[in-house]
């Protein structure tokens, strides 16, 4: 029996993850022995003026340590939604099969985040705009702009720069280009987000949002959505990391839901003051109810972080 496209895609990505992970954790070759003339145990030549070779060496070591510390901090904060940096992210969800149909779907998100300092503390503003393709039946689909959202999270002082916690309002904006792509409703609610980067090996956190209709079309169903996104990041070394950031979506109005679990691979690269973060993550839906839910999806894209408040 020939495997369906979804299974072949999952197996291919899983194989890529295994190969990349093995390369990341492979032992490095032993360095060549240091020549005796460069060793700290070698006395200075009596024919040359005496000088302290430790001074420039210490300066270089201090500089290298500073670069390493900055690189390690970039790795830990690259997946922090509350990092104190501007961010421009491009995310894509490809769904080979939607429940209730044999059709595929796609969502491409552009997200911009901006830290803001005010007289009442520090905030993080984030806006998200989707371009979507959704099935409408009879192997037909609609493509265009979907509903957007924006939230402003107040950043609490946790006493530790490696631990971030934010809470604030979220607004759903009816920017959908037609009925299939949007709700024609304004919604509002709360967003709570946290991130713990104290460990150099494993970082974790979560984003929880709740939105309820406040205005707009009277057509059913009303917006009444809860989204929970736990995320975990396991550093493999050399900028490579394993990731799991599936969004659990609950439509409280209709009782529909989907709970995907993902395992993906990412790579962080620092170029000057800019942090680039590329990733791909297959996500399998382990619990679902109702039509229009992703049976399986692939989440991929890249994030950019750059200085400026």
Foldseek 3Di string as FASTA:
>chain_A
DDDDPVVVVVVVQVVVVVVVLCVLQPDDDDDDDDDPVPDPPDDDDPVDDDDDPVVVVVVVVVVVVVVVVVVLVCLLCVPPPPPQFKKWWWKKKWFCQWPPDNHIKMKIKIKIKHWDQDPVAIKIKMKIWIWMWDDDDPRDIDTGTAKIKMWIWGWDCPVDPQKTKTKTKMKIGFPAPDVVRYPQFIKMWMKIWIKGRPDSFKIWIKIWTWIWTDDGDPDDDTATKIKIWIKMWGDSDPQKIKMWTDIWIARPRVGWTWDKTKIKMKGWDDDPQKIKIWIKIKIATPDTDDTGHRRIIMMTTMMMTGHDD
